[in-house]
């Protein structure tokens, strides 16, 4: 039997060369660069409903990184016909 999540759990995660704090709570997930206050938040309801996948796809289409690293990805360049 699994243990019910009643309070937040915090864990440190390394992604590439950057360190992040992951907080798992009954409300959802929060991923924040270590030493910062603001980061990405994802509610459980958005994850289950598919809104999270739609947000990731929209960010990819616009050319933004899936996880904020401080640097913006370049948008795709359209090829011109000769």
N, C-alpha and C. Protein backbone atom coordinates (compact mmCIF):
# COMPACT_ATOMS: atom_id res chain seq x y z
N UNK A 1 0.84 -1.17 0.00
CA UNK A 1 0.00 0.00 0.00
C UNK A 1 0.90 1.24 0.00
N UNK A 2 0.52 2.24 -0.77
CA UNK A 2 1.29 3.48 -0.88
C UNK A 2 0.93 4.44 0.25
N UNK A 3 1.88 5.31 0.57
CA UNK A 3 1.66 6.33 1.60
C UNK A 3 1.03 7.56 0.97
N UNK A 4 -0.02 8.07 1.59
CA UNK A 4 -0.69 9.27 1.08
C UNK A 4 0.21 10.49 1.27
N UNK A 5 0.24 11.35 0.26
CA UNK A 5 1.04 12.58 0.31
C UNK A 5 0.23 13.65 1.03
N UNK A 6 0.65 14.02 2.23
CA UNK A 6 -0.10 15.00 3.02
C UNK A 6 0.65 16.31 3.16
N UNK A 7 1.95 16.32 2.95
CA UNK A 7 2.75 17.53 3.06
C UNK A 7 3.79 17.57 1.96
N UNK A 8 4.47 18.70 1.81
CA UNK A 8 5.46 18.82 0.72
C UNK A 8 6.72 17.99 0.99
N UNK A 9 7.27 17.44 -0.09
CA UNK A 9 8.55 16.74 -0.08
C UNK A 9 9.51 17.55 -0.95
N UNK A 10 10.70 17.85 -0.46
CA UNK A 10 11.68 18.60 -1.24
C UNK A 10 12.88 17.71 -1.51
N UNK A 11 13.33 17.75 -2.76
CA UNK A 11 14.51 16.99 -3.17
C UNK A 11 15.34 17.84 -4.12
N UNK A 12 16.66 17.67 -4.06
CA UNK A 12 17.56 18.36 -4.98
C UNK A 12 17.77 17.48 -6.20
N UNK A 13 17.72 18.11 -7.38
CA UNK A 13 17.87 17.40 -8.65
C UNK A 13 18.89 18.14 -9.50
N UNK A 14 19.81 17.41 -10.12
CA UNK A 14 20.75 18.01 -11.06
C UNK A 14 20.28 17.70 -12.46
N UNK A 15 20.12 18.76 -13.26
CA UNK A 15 19.72 18.63 -14.66
C UNK A 15 20.80 19.30 -15.48
N UNK A 16 21.55 18.50 -16.21
CA UNK A 16 22.72 19.04 -16.90
C UNK A 16 23.74 19.47 -15.85
N UNK A 17 24.16 20.73 -15.92
CA UNK A 17 25.12 21.25 -14.94
C UNK A 17 24.44 22.13 -13.90
N UNK A 18 23.12 22.26 -13.95
CA UNK A 18 22.39 23.12 -13.02
C UNK A 18 21.70 22.29 -11.94
N UNK A 19 21.62 22.86 -10.74
CA UNK A 19 20.93 22.22 -9.63
C UNK A 19 19.56 22.87 -9.43
N UNK A 20 18.57 22.06 -9.14
CA UNK A 20 17.20 22.51 -8.94
C UNK A 20 16.64 21.91 -7.66
N UNK A 21 15.62 22.55 -7.11
CA UNK A 21 14.88 22.01 -5.98
C UNK A 21 13.50 21.60 -6.52
N UNK A 22 13.15 20.35 -6.31
CA UNK A 22 11.86 19.81 -6.72
C UNK A 22 11.01 19.65 -5.46
N UNK A 23 9.84 20.29 -5.47
CA UNK A 23 8.91 20.16 -4.36
C UNK A 23 7.68 19.43 -4.87
N UNK A 24 7.37 18.32 -4.25
CA UNK A 24 6.18 17.54 -4.57
C UNK A 24 5.20 17.74 -3.42
N UNK A 25 4.02 18.27 -3.72
CA UNK A 25 3.03 18.54 -2.68
C UNK A 25 1.68 17.98 -3.12
N UNK A 26 0.70 17.98 -2.23
CA UNK A 26 -0.64 17.52 -2.63
C UNK A 26 -1.25 18.37 -3.75
N UNK A 27 -0.78 19.60 -3.91
CA UNK A 27 -1.30 20.48 -4.97
C UNK A 27 -0.66 20.21 -6.33
N UNK A 28 0.62 19.81 -6.35
CA UNK A 28 1.30 19.56 -7.62
C UNK A 28 2.81 19.55 -7.45
N UNK A 29 3.52 19.87 -8.54
CA UNK A 29 4.98 19.88 -8.59
C UNK A 29 5.48 21.31 -8.74
N UNK A 30 6.66 21.58 -8.19
CA UNK A 30 7.31 22.87 -8.40
C UNK A 30 8.79 22.62 -8.58
N UNK A 31 9.36 23.12 -9.67
CA UNK A 31 10.78 22.97 -9.99
C UNK A 31 11.39 24.36 -10.04
N UNK A 32 12.38 24.61 -9.15
CA UNK A 32 12.96 25.94 -9.01
C UNK A 32 14.48 25.83 -9.06
N UNK A 33 15.16 26.70 -9.82
CA UNK A 33 16.62 26.69 -9.77
C UNK A 33 17.09 26.90 -8.33
N UNK A 34 18.09 26.16 -7.92
CA UNK A 34 18.55 26.22 -6.53
C UNK A 34 18.99 27.64 -6.17
N UNK A 35 18.51 28.13 -5.04
CA UNK A 35 18.82 29.48 -4.59
C UNK A 35 17.85 30.53 -5.09
N UNK A 36 16.87 30.15 -5.87
CA UNK A 36 15.87 31.09 -6.40
C UNK A 36 14.52 30.80 -5.78
N UNK A 37 13.56 31.70 -6.00
CA UNK A 37 12.21 31.52 -5.46
C UNK A 37 11.19 31.15 -6.52
N UNK A 38 11.39 31.64 -7.73
CA UNK A 38 10.42 31.40 -8.79
C UNK A 38 10.89 30.30 -9.71
N UNK A 39 9.93 29.52 -10.17
CA UNK A 39 10.25 28.43 -11.08
C UNK A 39 9.00 27.96 -11.79
N UNK A 40 9.01 26.73 -12.22
CA UNK A 40 7.88 26.16 -12.93
C UNK A 40 6.98 25.43 -11.96
N UNK A 41 5.67 25.66 -12.07
CA UNK A 41 4.71 24.95 -11.23
C UNK A 41 3.75 24.19 -12.13
N UNK A 42 3.37 23.01 -11.69
CA UNK A 42 2.45 22.17 -12.45
C UNK A 42 1.47 21.54 -11.48
N UNK A 43 0.20 21.87 -11.64
CA UNK A 43 -0.85 21.29 -10.79
C UNK A 43 -1.16 19.88 -11.26
N UNK A 44 -1.51 19.01 -10.31
CA UNK A 44 -1.85 17.63 -10.65
C UNK A 44 -3.00 17.59 -11.65
N UNK A 45 -4.00 18.47 -11.48
CA UNK A 45 -5.16 18.49 -12.38
C UNK A 45 -4.73 18.80 -13.82
N UNK A 46 -3.77 19.71 -14.00
CA UNK A 46 -3.28 20.04 -15.35
C UNK A 46 -2.53 18.87 -15.96
N UNK A 47 -1.80 18.14 -15.14
CA UNK A 47 -1.07 16.98 -15.63
C UNK A 47 -2.02 15.88 -16.10
N UNK A 48 -3.04 15.62 -15.31
CA UNK A 48 -4.00 14.56 -15.62
C UNK A 48 -4.87 14.93 -16.81
N UNK A 49 -5.27 16.20 -16.92
CA UNK A 49 -6.18 16.61 -17.99
C UNK A 49 -5.49 16.75 -19.34
N UNK A 50 -4.17 16.81 -19.36
CA UNK A 50 -3.46 16.97 -20.62
C UNK A 50 -3.06 18.41 -20.90
N UNK A 51 -3.46 19.34 -20.03
CA UNK A 51 -3.09 20.75 -20.22
C UNK A 51 -1.57 20.92 -20.16
N UNK A 52 -0.90 20.11 -19.35
CA UNK A 52 0.55 20.21 -19.22
C UNK A 52 1.23 19.86 -20.54
N UNK A 53 0.77 18.81 -21.19
CA UNK A 53 1.35 18.41 -22.48
C UNK A 53 1.11 19.48 -23.53
N UNK A 54 -0.07 20.11 -23.49
CA UNK A 54 -0.38 21.17 -24.43
C UNK A 54 0.54 22.38 -24.19
N UNK A 55 0.81 22.70 -22.94
CA UNK A 55 1.69 23.82 -22.62
C UNK A 55 3.11 23.56 -23.10
N UNK A 56 3.60 22.34 -22.94
CA UNK A 56 4.95 21.98 -23.41
C UNK A 56 5.01 22.08 -24.93
N UNK A 57 3.98 21.60 -25.60
CA UNK A 57 3.96 21.67 -27.06
C UNK A 57 3.91 23.12 -27.54
N UNK A 58 3.16 23.97 -26.86
CA UNK A 58 3.08 25.39 -27.23
C UNK A 58 4.43 26.07 -27.02
N UNK A 59 5.09 25.79 -25.90
CA UNK A 59 6.41 26.38 -25.65
C UNK A 59 7.41 25.94 -26.72
N UNK A 60 7.35 24.68 -27.12
CA UNK A 60 8.26 24.17 -28.15
C UNK A 60 7.97 24.84 -29.49
N UNK A 61 6.69 25.06 -29.80
CA UNK A 61 6.32 25.69 -31.06
C UNK A 61 6.80 27.14 -31.11
N UNK A 62 6.69 27.85 -29.99
CA UNK A 62 7.09 29.24 -29.93
C UNK A 62 8.61 29.37 -29.87
N UNK A 63 9.29 28.29 -29.46
CA UNK A 63 10.74 28.31 -29.42
C UNK A 63 11.31 28.58 -28.05
N UNK A 64 10.50 28.44 -27.01
CA UNK A 64 10.98 28.63 -25.65
C UNK A 64 11.46 27.30 -25.09
N UNK A 65 12.44 27.32 -24.21
CA UNK A 65 12.89 26.06 -23.61
C UNK A 65 11.83 25.49 -22.69
N UNK A 66 11.80 24.17 -22.55
CA UNK A 66 10.83 23.51 -21.69
C UNK A 66 11.08 23.87 -20.23
N UNK A 67 12.34 24.00 -19.85
CA UNK A 67 12.71 24.41 -18.49
C UNK A 67 13.54 25.67 -18.64
N UNK A 68 13.18 26.69 -17.89
CA UNK A 68 13.88 27.96 -17.98
C UNK A 68 15.32 27.81 -17.51
N UNK A 69 16.28 28.10 -18.41
CA UNK A 69 17.69 28.01 -18.06
C UNK A 69 18.35 29.37 -18.07
N UNK A 70 17.55 30.41 -18.29
CA UNK A 70 18.10 31.76 -18.33
C UNK A 70 18.42 32.19 -19.75
N UNK A 71 18.59 31.26 -20.65
CA UNK A 71 18.86 31.59 -22.05
C UNK A 71 17.67 31.16 -22.89
N UNK A 72 17.30 32.00 -23.81
CA UNK A 72 16.16 31.69 -24.67
C UNK A 72 16.63 30.93 -25.90
N UNK A 73 15.87 29.94 -26.27
CA UNK A 73 16.17 29.19 -27.49
C UNK A 73 15.78 30.03 -28.70
N UNK A 74 16.51 29.87 -29.79
CA UNK A 74 16.17 30.60 -31.00
C UNK A 74 14.96 29.96 -31.65
N UNK A 75 14.02 30.78 -32.15
CA UNK A 75 12.87 30.20 -32.84
C UNK A 75 13.31 29.56 -34.15
N UNK A 76 12.55 28.57 -34.63
CA UNK A 76 12.94 27.93 -35.89
C UNK A 76 12.90 28.93 -37.04
N UNK A 77 13.84 28.78 -37.97
CA UNK A 77 13.94 29.67 -39.12
C UNK A 77 13.23 29.02 -40.30
N UNK A 78 12.31 29.76 -40.90
CA UNK A 78 11.60 29.26 -42.07
C UNK A 78 12.48 29.38 -43.31
N UNK A 79 12.50 28.34 -44.13
CA UNK A 79 13.30 28.37 -45.35
C UNK A 79 12.52 29.08 -46.44
N UNK A 80 13.23 29.93 -47.19
CA UNK A 80 12.58 30.66 -48.31
C UNK A 80 12.75 29.87 -49.59
N UNK A 81 11.70 29.94 -50.41
CA UNK A 81 11.78 29.31 -51.72
C UNK A 81 12.47 30.25 -52.68
N UNK A 82 13.28 29.70 -53.56
CA UNK A 82 14.04 30.51 -54.50
C UNK A 82 13.21 30.98 -55.65
